Amino acid sequence: MKVARWIDEVGYMRVSIVRDDDNTLEASHGLKNGPPDVIDLDWESIVRDLHNNLVGRELFTYKDILTKKDSVTSAILSTLRRRVIELYKQHR
């Protein structure tokens, strides 16, 4: 068995497991593998929580993010990390 990567019809990178002698062009017919679908995340609450994280870090202007360089990354990670980990746990 081998892993084949491919792009679906809407542009998502996908991974399938195919037989060693299968053509990788037929990867879409193999056993699907890959991360859970992030569309299942609660994006409305993510938007709200990211906004609140940015406000909590007093990131109001472009100048603010230039002077507090890691704060934007921290706000994004603290908003998303827990939710993405939970998504993986749900799809074990």
Protein backbone atom coordinates (compact mmCIF):
# COMPACT_ATOMS: atom_id res chain seq x y z
CA MET A 1 0.00 0.00 0.00
CA LYS A 2 1.12 3.54 -0.68
CA VAL A 3 -0.06 7.04 0.12
CA ALA A 4 -1.26 9.24 -2.73
CA ARG A 5 -1.98 12.96 -2.43
CA TRP A 6 -4.44 14.66 -4.73
CA ILE A 7 -6.52 17.82 -5.08
CA ASP A 8 -10.30 17.43 -5.14
CA GLU A 9 -12.69 19.28 -7.44
CA VAL A 10 -13.01 22.27 -5.07
CA GLY A 11 -9.28 22.62 -4.36
CA TYR A 12 -8.79 20.69 -1.09
CA MET A 13 -5.62 18.63 -0.78
CA ARG A 14 -6.61 15.05 0.01
CA VAL A 15 -4.74 11.86 0.94
CA SER A 16 -5.75 8.32 0.03
CA ILE A 17 -4.17 4.93 0.55
CA VAL A 18 -3.95 2.92 -2.67
CA ARG A 19 -2.48 -0.44 -3.63
CA ASP A 20 1.17 -0.43 -4.66
CA ASP A 21 0.30 -1.27 -8.24
CA ASP A 22 -2.55 1.30 -8.51
CA ASN A 23 -2.04 4.43 -10.57
CA THR A 24 -1.88 7.47 -8.29
CA LEU A 25 -4.19 9.27 -10.74
CA GLU A 26 -6.94 7.09 -9.29
CA ALA A 27 -6.22 8.20 -5.72
CA SER A 28 -9.73 9.58 -5.26
CA HIS A 29 -10.97 5.97 -5.37
CA GLY A 30 -8.58 4.80 -2.63
CA LEU A 31 -9.13 4.64 1.13
CA LYS A 32 -9.53 8.22 2.30
CA ASN A 33 -7.12 9.43 4.95
CA GLY A 34 -6.30 12.85 6.35
CA PRO A 35 -7.40 15.36 8.96
CA PRO A 36 -11.00 15.87 10.02
CA ASP A 37 -12.97 18.43 8.04
CA VAL A 38 -12.46 21.86 9.64
CA ILE A 39 -15.84 22.97 8.30
CA ASP A 40 -17.19 21.15 11.37
CA LEU A 41 -15.67 23.80 13.65
CA ASP A 42 -18.03 26.38 15.16
CA TRP A 43 -16.78 29.30 13.07
CA GLU A 44 -19.25 31.80 14.53
CA SER A 45 -17.83 31.31 18.01
CA ILE A 46 -14.28 31.30 16.62
CA VAL A 47 -14.84 34.72 15.05
CA ARG A 48 -16.26 36.07 18.33
CA ASP A 49 -13.46 34.60 20.44
CA LEU A 50 -10.74 35.82 18.08
CA HIS A 51 -12.23 39.31 18.22
CA ASN A 52 -12.28 39.16 22.02
CA ASN A 53 -8.67 37.90 22.09
CA LEU A 54 -7.57 40.80 19.88
CA VAL A 55 -9.38 43.28 22.12
CA GLY A 56 -7.94 41.65 25.25
CA ARG A 57 -4.44 42.10 23.83
CA GLU A 58 -5.25 45.70 22.88
CA LEU A 59 -4.56 45.09 19.21
CA PHE A 60 -6.63 47.88 17.69
CA THR A 61 -4.41 49.26 14.91
CA TYR A 62 -1.74 48.14 12.48
CA LYS A 63 0.77 50.00 14.66
CA ASP A 64 -0.34 47.89 17.64
CA ILE A 65 0.42 44.63 15.84
CA LEU A 66 3.80 45.96 14.73
CA THR A 67 4.80 46.81 18.29
CA LYS A 68 3.36 43.61 19.79
CA LYS A 69 4.61 41.24 17.09
CA ASP A 70 3.73 37.87 18.64
CA SER A 71 0.36 38.98 19.96
CA VAL A 72 -1.58 38.35 16.74
CA THR A 73 -0.16 34.84 16.47
CA SER A 74 -0.93 34.20 20.13
CA ALA A 75 -4.50 35.41 19.70
CA ILE A 76 -5.06 33.13 16.71
CA LEU A 77 -3.45 30.10 18.35
CA SER A 78 -5.30 30.52 21.63
CA THR A 79 -8.57 30.79 19.71
CA LEU A 80 -8.06 27.80 17.41
CA ARG A 81 -5.73 25.27 19.07
CA ARG A 82 -8.20 23.84 21.60
CA ARG A 83 -10.99 23.58 19.04
CA VAL A 84 -8.83 21.82 16.44
CA ILE A 85 -7.59 19.32 19.05
CA GLU A 86 -11.20 18.63 20.07
CA LEU A 87 -12.14 18.09 16.42
CA TYR A 88 -9.42 15.44 16.12
CA LYS A 89 -10.63 13.75 19.34
CA GLN A 90 -14.18 13.60 17.95
CA HIS A 91 -12.99 11.93 14.76
CA ARG A 92 -10.79 9.19 16.26
